[in-house]
Amino acid sequence: MKKVLAVIAALIFALIATVLVAGSLMPREHVASSTIVIPASLDTLWHVVRDIERMPTWWDGLDSVSRIDRPGGGEAWRHHAPTGTMDIAVERSDAPGILVTRIIAEPGAPFGGTWTYRLEPMGASTRVTITEAGYINSKVFRFIANTVMGMHGSMDSYLAALARHFGAEEQPEHSVG
């Protein structure tokens, strides 16, 4: 019995060491993009993307959203998700084509970064691209993001829900760079 427990302990130790070493070898910063074409006009789509407070009505990735005060002013929102809360600041809003949001992260936070939304008309449809420029401080989170979840998970969930909101079932395309 002792040998079995020793083997199990050694395997657990090896797994933890592997995750930590692999995570430390992965880059802290990343840039990833997801793109989808949605059958809606640029103006209509912009209105929905920009109506942050109503986002939970069409995206199940959020339970609720509430406006918060931002130190120094500016637009900011608290996203309440099944996994916890996250404060988001609107850094730039150029109607009807560019929106940039940033996670309001404390120094030493496990992750942070920006989402840049680009909306481009394509006839009666609109191409929506989200580019995430972020960082992951935790070696464990870095390993999980790169090997289990992927860097596109949240963007894809958002874009697929946005497409469904307009009656479409398109799936996002990816790029990493």
Protein backbone atom coordinates (compact mmCIF):
# COMPACT_ATOMS: atom_id res chain seq x y z
CA MET A 1 0.00 0.00 0.00
CA LYS A 2 2.86 2.38 0.84
CA LYS A 3 4.42 1.81 -2.58
CA VAL A 4 1.13 2.65 -4.31
CA LEU A 5 0.79 5.86 -2.31
CA ALA A 6 4.41 6.76 -3.07
CA VAL A 7 3.83 6.22 -6.80
CA ILE A 8 0.64 8.31 -6.71
CA ALA A 9 2.45 11.09 -4.82
CA ALA A 10 5.34 10.99 -7.33
CA LEU A 11 2.90 11.19 -10.26
CA ILE A 12 1.10 14.16 -8.71
CA PHE A 13 4.42 15.88 -8.05
CA ALA A 14 5.54 15.21 -11.65
CA LEU A 15 2.28 16.58 -13.03
CA ILE A 16 2.54 19.77 -10.95
CA ALA A 17 6.20 20.22 -11.92
CA THR A 18 5.37 19.69 -15.59
CA VAL A 19 2.58 22.29 -15.49
CA LEU A 20 4.82 24.84 -13.72
CA VAL A 21 7.81 24.30 -16.01
CA ALA A 22 5.71 24.29 -19.19
CA GLY A 23 3.80 27.38 -18.02
CA SER A 24 7.04 29.23 -17.28
CA LEU A 25 8.26 28.49 -20.82
CA MET A 26 5.11 29.93 -22.42
CA PRO A 27 5.02 33.67 -23.19
CA ARG A 28 3.41 35.94 -20.60
CA GLU A 29 1.89 38.19 -23.28
CA HIS A 30 -0.35 37.10 -26.14
CA VAL A 31 -2.35 38.51 -29.03
CA ALA A 32 -5.21 36.52 -30.49
CA SER A 33 -8.13 37.43 -32.76
CA SER A 34 -11.50 35.93 -33.58
CA THR A 35 -13.61 37.09 -36.54
CA ILE A 36 -17.18 36.42 -37.59
CA VAL A 37 -19.53 37.79 -40.25
CA ILE A 38 -23.02 38.55 -38.94
CA PRO A 39 -26.08 39.23 -41.10
CA ALA A 40 -26.84 42.67 -39.69
CA SER A 41 -26.02 46.21 -40.72
CA LEU A 42 -23.03 48.00 -39.22
CA ASP A 43 -25.22 50.50 -37.34
CA THR A 44 -27.52 47.82 -35.94
CA LEU A 45 -24.60 45.69 -34.82
CA TRP A 46 -22.76 48.67 -33.32
CA HIS A 47 -25.83 49.53 -31.23
CA VAL A 48 -25.94 46.00 -29.78
CA VAL A 49 -22.17 45.76 -29.15
CA ARG A 50 -22.13 49.19 -27.52
CA ASP A 51 -25.13 48.46 -25.26
CA ILE A 52 -22.94 46.81 -22.64
CA GLU A 53 -25.64 46.83 -19.96
CA ARG A 54 -27.91 44.58 -22.06
CA MET A 55 -25.17 42.13 -23.02
CA PRO A 56 -26.38 39.44 -20.56
CA THR A 57 -29.74 39.29 -22.38
CA TRP A 58 -28.04 37.60 -25.35
CA TRP A 59 -24.71 36.25 -24.01
CA ASP A 60 -24.92 33.48 -21.43
CA GLY A 61 -21.28 34.15 -20.50
CA LEU A 62 -22.58 36.91 -18.23
CA ASP A 63 -25.15 36.85 -15.45
CA SER A 64 -25.42 40.64 -15.20
CA VAL A 65 -23.58 43.89 -15.89
CA SER A 66 -23.63 47.04 -13.78
CA ARG A 67 -22.13 50.47 -14.33
CA ILE A 68 -19.39 51.38 -11.84
CA ASP A 69 -17.45 54.51 -10.96
CA ARG A 70 -13.96 54.58 -12.43
CA PRO A 71 -11.18 56.39 -10.61
CA GLY A 72 -10.37 59.42 -12.73
CA GLY A 73 -13.70 59.17 -14.55
CA GLY A 74 -14.61 57.39 -17.72
CA GLU A 75 -16.99 54.61 -18.57
CA ALA A 76 -16.59 51.35 -16.63
CA TRP A 77 -18.67 48.23 -16.08
CA ARG A 78 -18.65 45.31 -13.66
CA HIS A 79 -19.27 42.00 -15.42
CA HIS A 80 -20.84 39.35 -13.19
CA ALA A 81 -20.13 35.92 -14.68
CA PRO A 82 -20.54 32.39 -13.38
CA THR A 83 -16.77 32.37 -12.71
CA GLY A 84 -16.71 35.67 -10.76
CA THR A 85 -16.65 39.41 -11.39
CA MET A 86 -14.43 41.47 -13.65
CA ASP A 87 -14.28 45.25 -14.01
CA ILE A 88 -13.98 46.55 -17.57
CA ALA A 89 -13.15 50.11 -18.67
CA VAL A 90 -14.06 51.54 -22.06
CA GLU A 91 -10.80 52.99 -23.35
CA ARG A 92 -12.01 54.07 -26.79
CA SER A 93 -15.34 54.19 -28.59
CA ASP A 94 -15.36 55.39 -32.20
CA ALA A 95 -18.84 54.83 -33.60
CA PRO A 96 -19.65 52.80 -35.52
CA GLY A 97 -16.47 50.83 -35.96
CA ILE A 98 -14.04 50.58 -33.04
CA LEU A 99 -14.49 49.81 -29.36
CA VAL A 100 -11.58 49.13 -27.01
CA THR A 101 -12.14 47.76 -23.52
CA ARG A 102 -9.57 47.01 -20.83
CA ILE A 103 -9.72 44.81 -17.76
CA ILE A 104 -9.25 47.02 -14.72
CA ALA A 105 -6.61 44.88 -13.01
CA GLU A 106 -4.78 45.47 -9.76
CA PRO A 107 -0.99 45.19 -9.89
CA GLY A 108 -0.08 41.52 -9.71
CA ALA A 109 -3.47 40.37 -10.99
CA PRO A 110 -3.39 36.89 -12.54
CA PHE A 111 -4.33 38.25 -15.99
CA GLY A 112 -5.40 41.38 -17.84
CA GLY A 113 -5.42 43.14 -21.16
CA THR A 114 -7.65 44.66 -23.81
CA TRP A 115 -10.29 43.62 -26.31
CA THR A 116 -10.41 45.68 -29.49
CA TYR A 117 -13.65 45.27 -31.42
CA ARG A 118 -13.55 46.20 -35.12
CA LEU A 119 -16.78 46.30 -37.08
CA GLU A 120 -16.57 46.51 -40.88
CA PRO A 121 -19.54 46.64 -43.28
CA MET A 122 -19.82 43.84 -45.83
CA GLY A 123 -22.90 44.65 -47.87
CA ALA A 124 -25.93 43.78 -45.71
CA SER A 125 -23.67 42.01 -43.18
CA THR A 126 -20.91 43.12 -40.83
CA ARG A 127 -17.54 41.56 -40.08
CA VAL A 128 -16.76 41.69 -36.37
CA THR A 129 -13.20 41.05 -35.21
CA ILE A 130 -12.14 40.99 -31.58
CA THR A 131 -8.42 41.16 -30.88
CA GLU A 132 -7.28 40.30 -27.39
CA ALA A 133 -3.92 41.72 -26.35
CA GLY A 134 -3.36 40.31 -22.92
CA TYR A 135 -1.06 38.86 -20.34
CA ILE A 136 -1.21 35.94 -17.96
CA ASN A 137 1.02 36.23 -14.89
CA SER A 138 0.29 32.83 -13.36
CA LYS A 139 2.32 29.97 -14.84
CA VAL A 140 -0.55 27.58 -14.07
CA PHE A 141 -3.15 29.82 -15.78
CA ARG A 142 -0.74 30.28 -18.71
CA PHE A 143 -0.45 26.51 -19.13
CA ILE A 144 -4.24 26.02 -18.91
CA ALA A 145 -4.97 28.86 -21.35
CA ASN A 146 -2.48 27.54 -23.89
CA THR A 147 -3.26 23.83 -23.64
CA VAL A 148 -6.79 23.35 -22.30
CA MET A 149 -8.96 26.41 -22.91
CA GLY A 150 -7.19 28.13 -25.77
CA MET A 151 -6.79 31.88 -26.16
CA HIS A 152 -9.99 32.28 -28.19
CA GLY A 153 -12.54 30.79 -25.78
CA SER A 154 -14.17 33.95 -24.41
CA MET A 155 -14.02 35.80 -27.72
CA ASP A 156 -15.60 32.85 -29.54
CA SER A 157 -18.33 32.53 -26.94
CA TYR A 158 -19.14 36.24 -27.25
CA LEU A 159 -19.10 36.27 -31.07
CA ALA A 160 -21.16 33.08 -31.43
CA ALA A 161 -23.76 34.49 -29.02
CA LEU A 162 -23.79 37.78 -30.94
CA ALA A 163 -24.40 35.88 -34.19
CA ARG A 164 -27.22 33.85 -32.57
CA HIS A 165 -28.77 37.11 -31.39
CA PHE A 166 -29.18 37.93 -35.08
CA GLY A 167 -30.40 34.44 -36.00
CA ALA A 168 -27.10 33.19 -37.41
CA GLU A 169 -25.05 30.13 -36.51
CA GLU A 170 -21.66 31.16 -37.95
CA GLN A 171 -18.54 30.15 -36.07
CA PRO A 172 -15.57 32.50 -35.53
CA GLU A 173 -12.28 32.13 -37.40
CA HIS A 174 -9.00 32.53 -35.51
CA SER A 175 -5.64 34.16 -35.88
CA VAL A 176 -2.79 34.43 -33.41
CA GLY A 177 0.04 36.85 -33.69
